[in-house]
C-alpha cells in the first residue's frame, strides 16, 4: 500500500497500552486515530485537531514526529 505524503509534518502514532479499562470516550478516540490493536502504527498529517486527540490518550500511545 503506497501512501502519498502530504505537505507538512507527519506523525507516526503507535498504540502501546490497551484501552481496556478506560472510558468509552478514550476508546473512541483511539479508534478514531485508526489504531486497532496493540503495537499498531498509523501515520497522520499534523494538525491542531489531531494534537488534541493525541493529548487525550497520551498515556496509551507513542508519537514519533517525522
PDB file of N, CA and C in Angstrom:
ATOM      1  N   UNK A   1       0.833  -1.175   0.000  1.00  0.00           N
ATOM      2  CA  UNK A   1       0.000   0.000   0.000  1.00  0.00           C
ATOM      3  C   UNK A   1       0.876   1.237   0.000  1.00  0.00           C
ATOM      4  N   UNK A   2       0.868   1.922  -1.088  1.00  0.00           N
ATOM      5  CA  UNK A   2       1.658   3.137  -1.193  1.00  0.00           C
ATOM      6  C   UNK A   2       0.812   4.332  -0.807  1.00  0.00           C
ATOM      7  N   UNK A   3       1.334   5.146   0.109  1.00  0.00           N
ATOM      8  CA  UNK A   3       0.635   6.355   0.532  1.00  0.00           C
ATOM      9  C   UNK A   3       1.401   7.557   0.015  1.00  0.00           C
ATOM     10  N   UNK A   4       0.645   8.536  -0.458  1.00  0.00           N
ATOM     11  CA  UNK A   4       1.281   9.786  -0.848  1.00  0.00           C
ATOM     12  C   UNK A   4       1.501  10.623   0.390  1.00  0.00           C
ATOM     13  N   UNK A   5       2.669  11.184   0.526  1.00  0.00           N
ATOM     14  CA  UNK A   5       2.969  12.043   1.670  1.00  0.00           C
ATOM     15  C   UNK A   5       2.468  13.446   1.379  1.00  0.00           C
ATOM     16  N   UNK A   6       1.645  13.948   2.260  1.00  0.00           N
ATOM     17  CA  UNK A   6       1.125  15.302   2.122  1.00  0.00           C
ATOM     18  C   UNK A   6       2.176  16.304   2.600  1.00  0.00           C
ATOM     19  N   UNK A   7       2.016  17.524   2.135  1.00  0.00           N
ATOM     20  CA  UNK A   7       2.931  18.574   2.579  1.00  0.00           C
ATOM     21  C   UNK A   7       2.720  18.826   4.061  1.00  0.00           C
ATOM     22  N   UNK A   8       3.777  19.038   4.782  1.00  0.00           N
ATOM     23  CA  UNK A   8       3.676  19.270   6.220  1.00  0.00           C
ATOM     24  C   UNK A   8       4.280  18.134   7.004  1.00  0.00           C
ATOM     25  N   UNK A   9       4.235  18.281   8.312  1.00  0.00           N
ATOM     26  CA  UNK A   9       4.840  17.305   9.204  1.00  0.00           C
ATOM     27  C   UNK A   9       3.954  16.068   9.336  1.00  0.00           C
ATOM     28  N   UNK A  10       4.575  14.917   9.393  1.00  0.00           N
ATOM     29  CA  UNK A  10       3.851  13.663   9.572  1.00  0.00           C
ATOM     30  C   UNK A  10       4.148  13.118  10.960  1.00  0.00           C
ATOM     31  N   UNK A  11       3.123  12.578  11.600  1.00  0.00           N
ATOM     32  CA  UNK A  11       3.271  11.975  12.920  1.00  0.00           C
ATOM     33  C   UNK A  11       2.988  10.483  12.811  1.00  0.00           C
ATOM     34  N   UNK A  12       3.845   9.686  13.416  1.00  0.00           N
ATOM     35  CA  UNK A  12       3.652   8.245  13.460  1.00  0.00           C
ATOM     36  C   UNK A  12       3.150   7.907  14.865  1.00  0.00           C
ATOM     37  N   UNK A  13       1.947   7.339  14.947  1.00  0.00           N
ATOM     38  CA  UNK A  13       1.295   7.070  16.225  1.00  0.00           C
ATOM     39  C   UNK A  13       1.193   5.556  16.413  1.00  0.00           C
ATOM     40  N   UNK A  14       1.635   5.057  17.578  1.00  0.00           N
ATOM     41  CA  UNK A  14       1.615   3.632  17.897  1.00  0.00           C
ATOM     42  C   UNK A  14       0.867   3.409  19.199  1.00  0.00           C
ATOM     43  N   UNK A  15      -0.024   2.430  19.205  1.00  0.00           N
ATOM     44  CA  UNK A  15      -0.747   2.064  20.424  1.00  0.00           C
ATOM     45  C   UNK A  15       0.147   1.143  21.245  1.00  0.00           C
ATOM     46  N   UNK A  16       0.549   1.588  22.444  1.00  0.00           N
ATOM     47  CA  UNK A  16       1.471   0.812  23.272  1.00  0.00           C
ATOM     48  C   UNK A  16       0.822   0.265  24.536  1.00  0.00           C
ATOM     49  N   UNK A  17      -0.396   0.742  24.849  1.00  0.00           N
ATOM     50  CA  UNK A  17      -1.105   0.252  26.028  1.00  0.00           C
ATOM     51  C   UNK A  17      -2.564   0.062  25.653  1.00  0.00           C
ATOM     52  N   UNK A  18      -3.169  -1.001  26.138  1.00  0.00           N
ATOM     53  CA  UNK A  18      -4.546  -1.325  25.802  1.00  0.00           C
ATOM     54  C   UNK A  18      -5.518  -0.315  26.409  1.00  0.00           C
ATOM     55  N   UNK A  19      -6.547   0.070  25.640  1.00  0.00           N
ATOM     56  CA  UNK A  19      -7.562   0.975  26.171  1.00  0.00           C
ATOM     57  C   UNK A  19      -8.613   0.268  27.037  1.00  0.00           C
ATOM     58  N   UNK A  20      -8.466  -1.031  27.246  1.00  0.00           N
ATOM     59  CA  UNK A  20      -9.389  -1.765  28.110  1.00  0.00           C
ATOM     60  C   UNK A  20      -9.292  -1.191  29.520  1.00  0.00           C
ATOM     61  N   UNK A  21     -10.430  -0.901  30.116  1.00  0.00           N
ATOM     62  CA  UNK A  21     -10.451  -0.353  31.456  1.00  0.00           C
ATOM     63  C   UNK A  21     -10.489   1.162  31.492  1.00  0.00           C
ATOM     64  N   UNK A  22     -10.428   1.804  30.335  1.00  0.00           N
ATOM     65  CA  UNK A  22     -10.523   3.255  30.251  1.00  0.00           C
ATOM     66  C   UNK A  22     -11.917   3.639  29.765  1.00  0.00           C
ATOM     67  N   UNK A  23     -12.207   4.921  29.750  1.00  0.00           N
ATOM     68  CA  UNK A  23     -13.547   5.381  29.410  1.00  0.00           C
ATOM     69  C   UNK A  23     -13.891   5.113  27.942  1.00  0.00           C
ATOM     70  N   UNK A  24     -15.192   5.088  27.658  1.00  0.00           N
ATOM     71  CA  UNK A  24     -15.648   4.893  26.279  1.00  0.00           C
ATOM     72  C   UNK A  24     -15.126   5.996  25.376  1.00  0.00           C
ATOM     73  N   UNK A  25     -15.034   7.185  25.927  1.00  0.00           N
ATOM     74  CA  UNK A  25     -14.559   8.325  25.150  1.00  0.00           C
ATOM     75  C   UNK A  25     -13.096   8.137  24.719  1.00  0.00           C
ATOM     76  N   UNK A  26     -12.263   7.627  25.626  1.00  0.00           N
ATOM     77  CA  UNK A  26     -10.861   7.380  25.278  1.00  0.00           C
ATOM     78  C   UNK A  26     -10.746   6.235  24.280  1.00  0.00           C
ATOM     79  N   UNK A  27     -11.565   5.199  24.438  1.00  0.00           N
ATOM     80  CA  UNK A  27     -11.569   4.088  23.478  1.00  0.00           C
ATOM     81  C   UNK A  27     -11.965   4.589  22.097  1.00  0.00           C
ATOM     82  N   UNK A  28     -12.975   5.461  22.040  1.00  0.00           N
ATOM     83  CA  UNK A  28     -13.427   6.018  20.770  1.00  0.00           C
ATOM     84  C   UNK A  28     -12.345   6.871  20.119  1.00  0.00           C
ATOM     85  N   UNK A  29     -11.590   7.589  20.915  1.00  0.00           N
ATOM     86  CA  UNK A  29     -10.500   8.416  20.390  1.00  0.00           C
ATOM     87  C   UNK A  29      -9.415   7.544  19.774  1.00  0.00           C
ATOM     88  N   UNK A  30      -9.076   6.450  20.447  1.00  0.00           N
ATOM     89  CA  UNK A  30      -8.075   5.515  19.915  1.00  0.00           C
ATOM     90  C   UNK A  30      -8.545   4.952  18.577  1.00  0.00           C
ATOM     91  N   UNK A  31      -9.822   4.568  18.498  1.00  0.00           N
ATOM     92  CA  UNK A  31     -10.359   4.028  17.248  1.00  0.00           C
ATOM     93  C   UNK A  31     -10.378   5.088  16.153  1.00  0.00           C
ATOM     94  N   UNK A  32     -10.721   6.323  16.521  1.00  0.00           N
ATOM     95  CA  UNK A  32     -10.762   7.418  15.552  1.00  0.00           C
ATOM     96  C   UNK A  32      -9.381   7.723  14.988  1.00  0.00           C
ATOM     97  N   UNK A  33      -8.355   7.446  15.770  1.00  0.00           N
ATOM     98  CA  UNK A  33      -6.983   7.613  15.284  1.00  0.00           C
ATOM     99  C   UNK A  33      -6.598   6.508  14.301  1.00  0.00           C
ATOM    100  N   UNK A  34      -7.425   5.475  14.213  1.00  0.00           N
ATOM    101  CA  UNK A  34      -7.153   4.375  13.284  1.00  0.00           C
ATOM    102  C   UNK A  34      -6.373   3.245  13.910  1.00  0.00           C
ATOM    103  N   UNK A  35      -6.240   3.247  15.225  1.00  0.00           N
ATOM    104  CA  UNK A  35      -5.479   2.210  15.923  1.00  0.00           C
ATOM    105  C   UNK A  35      -6.410   1.056  16.277  1.00  0.00           C
ATOM    106  N   UNK A  36      -6.072  -0.134  15.843  1.00  0.00           N
ATOM    107  CA  UNK A  36      -6.946  -1.292  16.001  1.00  0.00           C
ATOM    108  C   UNK A  36      -6.472  -2.270  17.070  1.00  0.00           C
ATOM    109  N   UNK A  37      -5.178  -2.414  17.223  1.00  0.00           N
ATOM    110  CA  UNK A  37      -4.640  -3.426  18.135  1.00  0.00           C
ATOM    111  C   UNK A  37      -3.303  -2.932  18.693  1.00  0.00           C
ATOM    112  N   UNK A  38      -2.811  -3.645  19.678  1.00  0.00           N
ATOM    113  CA  UNK A  38      -1.539  -3.286  20.306  1.00  0.00           C
ATOM    114  C   UNK A  38      -0.410  -3.269  19.264  1.00  0.00           C
ATOM    115  N   UNK A  39       0.484  -2.320  19.399  1.00  0.00           N
ATOM    116  CA  UNK A  39       1.646  -2.137  18.522  1.00  0.00           C
ATOM    117  C   UNK A  39       1.272  -1.822  17.076  1.00  0.00           C
ATOM    118  N   UNK A  40       0.023  -1.417  16.842  1.00  0.00           N
ATOM    119  CA  UNK A  40      -0.410  -0.982  15.517  1.00  0.00           C
ATOM    120  C   UNK A  40       0.048   0.461  15.329  1.00  0.00           C
ATOM    121  N   UNK A  41       0.627   0.763  14.182  1.00  0.00           N
ATOM    122  CA  UNK A  41       1.151   2.097  13.904  1.00  0.00           C
ATOM    123  C   UNK A  41       0.435   2.694  12.700  1.00  0.00           C
ATOM    124  N   UNK A  42       0.065   3.954  12.817  1.00  0.00           N
ATOM    125  CA  UNK A  42      -0.552   4.687  11.716  1.00  0.00           C
ATOM    126  C   UNK A  42       0.152   6.032  11.576  1.00  0.00           C
ATOM    127  N   UNK A  43       0.064   6.617  10.379  1.00  0.00           N
ATOM    128  CA  UNK A  43       0.653   7.916  10.119  1.00  0.00           C
ATOM    129  C   UNK A  43      -0.444   8.924   9.860  1.00  0.00           C
ATOM    130  N   UNK A  44      -0.298  10.113  10.443  1.00  0.00           N
ATOM    131  CA  UNK A  44      -1.252  11.197  10.261  1.00  0.00           C
ATOM    132  C   UNK A  44      -0.502  12.481   9.958  1.00  0.00           C
ATOM    133  N   UNK A  45      -1.147  13.372   9.209  1.00  0.00           N
ATOM    134  CA  UNK A  45      -0.593  14.702   8.974  1.00  0.00           C
ATOM    135  C   UNK A  45      -0.906  15.546  10.196  1.00  0.00           C
ATOM    136  N   UNK A  46       0.074  16.286  10.660  1.00  0.00           N
ATOM    137  CA  UNK A  46      -0.056  17.091  11.868  1.00  0.00           C
ATOM    138  C   UNK A  46      -1.105  18.180  11.695  1.00  0.00           C
ATOM    139  N   UNK A  47      -1.975  18.324  12.703  1.00  0.00           N
ATOM    140  CA  UNK A  47      -2.980  19.388  12.726  1.00  0.00           C
ATOM    141  C   UNK A  47      -3.364  19.654  14.182  1.00  0.00           C
ATOM    142  N   UNK A  48      -3.961  20.794  14.447  1.00  0.00           N
ATOM    143  CA  UNK A  48      -4.381  21.082  15.827  1.00  0.00           C
ATOM    144  C   UNK A  48      -5.409  20.085  16.350  1.00  0.00           C
ATOM    145  N   UNK A  49      -6.334  19.650  15.509  1.00  0.00           N
ATOM    146  CA  UNK A  49      -7.349  18.678  15.933  1.00  0.00           C
ATOM    147  C   UNK A  49      -6.696  17.346  16.300  1.00  0.00           C
ATOM    148  N   UNK A  50      -5.734  16.922  15.504  1.00  0.00           N
ATOM    149  CA  UNK A  50      -5.019  15.674  15.788  1.00  0.00           C
ATOM    150  C   UNK A  50      -4.234  15.791  17.088  1.00  0.00           C
ATOM    151  N   UNK A  51      -3.579  16.928  17.301  1.00  0.00           N
ATOM    152  CA  UNK A  51      -2.806  17.123  18.530  1.00  0.00           C
ATOM    153  C   UNK A  51      -3.704  17.033  19.767  1.00  0.00           C
ATOM    154  N   UNK A  52      -4.921  17.544  19.675  1.00  0.00           N
ATOM    155  CA  UNK A  52      -5.867  17.452  20.781  1.00  0.00           C
ATOM    156  C   UNK A  52      -6.235  16.016  21.087  1.00  0.00           C
ATOM    157  N   UNK A  53      -6.453  15.216  20.034  1.00  0.00           N
ATOM    158  CA  UNK A  53      -6.773  13.798  20.215  1.00  0.00           C
ATOM    159  C   UNK A  53      -5.606  13.067  20.870  1.00  0.00           C
ATOM    160  N   UNK A  54      -4.401  13.362  20.414  1.00  0.00           N
ATOM    161  CA  UNK A  54      -3.214  12.706  20.957  1.00  0.00           C
ATOM    162  C   UNK A  54      -3.012  13.055  22.425  1.00  0.00           C
ATOM    163  N   UNK A  55      -3.327  14.281  22.790  1.00  0.00           N
ATOM    164  CA  UNK A  55      -3.192  14.702  24.185  1.00  0.00           C
ATOM    165  C   UNK A  55      -4.144  13.925  25.087  1.00  0.00           C
ATOM    166  N   UNK A  56      -5.358  13.677  24.612  1.00  0.00           N
ATOM    167  CA  UNK A  56      -6.366  12.994  25.425  1.00  0.00           C
ATOM    168  C   UNK A  56      -6.003  11.541  25.720  1.00  0.00           C
ATOM    169  N   UNK A  57      -5.243  10.903  24.836  1.00  0.00           N
ATOM    170  CA  UNK A  57      -4.880   9.490  25.045  1.00  0.00           C
ATOM    171  C   UNK A  57      -3.366   9.307  25.088  1.00  0.00           C
ATOM    172  N   UNK A  58      -2.648  10.329  25.537  1.00  0.00           N
ATOM    173  CA  UNK A  58      -1.177  10.293  25.537  1.00  0.00           C
ATOM    174  C   UNK A  58      -0.616   9.167  26.403  1.00  0.00           C
ATOM    175  N   UNK A  59      -1.385   8.716  27.392  1.00  0.00           N
ATOM    176  CA  UNK A  59      -0.927   7.644  28.273  1.00  0.00           C
ATOM    177  C   UNK A  59      -1.053   6.263  27.602  1.00  0.00           C
ATOM    178  N   UNK A  60      -1.673   6.191  26.438  1.00  0.00           N
ATOM    179  CA  UNK A  60      -1.867   4.912  25.737  1.00  0.00           C
ATOM    180  C   UNK A  60      -1.034   4.790  24.461  1.00  0.00           C
ATOM    181  N   UNK A  61      -0.451   5.876  24.007  1.00  0.00           N
ATOM    182  CA  UNK A  61       0.207   5.876  22.704  1.00  0.00           C
ATOM    183  C   UNK A  61       1.645   6.378  22.780  1.00  0.00           C
ATOM    184  N   UNK A  62       2.373   6.134  21.685  1.00  0.00           N
ATOM    185  CA  UNK A  62       3.711   6.702  21.490  1.00  0.00           C
ATOM    186  C   UNK A  62       3.674   7.460  20.164  1.00  0.00           C
ATOM    187  N   UNK A  63       4.200   8.679  20.148  1.00  0.00           N
ATOM    188  CA  UNK A  63       4.164   9.527  18.956  1.00  0.00           C
ATOM    189  C   UNK A  63       5.586   9.842  18.537  1.00  0.00           C
ATOM    190  N   UNK A  64       5.857   9.666  17.234  1.00  0.00           N
ATOM    191  CA  UNK A  64       7.161   9.993  16.668  1.00  0.00           C
ATOM    192  C   UNK A  64       6.931  11.000  15.554  1.00  0.00           C
ATOM    193  N   UNK A  65       7.605  12.144  15.618  1.00  0.00           N
ATOM    194  CA  UNK A  65       7.485  13.163  14.579  1.00  0.00           C
ATOM    195  C   UNK A  65       8.469  12.854  13.463  1.00  0.00           C
ATOM    196  N   UNK A  66       7.982  12.985  12.242  1.00  0.00           N
ATOM    197  CA  UNK A  66       8.848  12.733  11.078  1.00  0.00           C
ATOM    198  C   UNK A  66       8.872  13.917  10.159  1.00  0.00           C
TER     199      UNK A  66
END
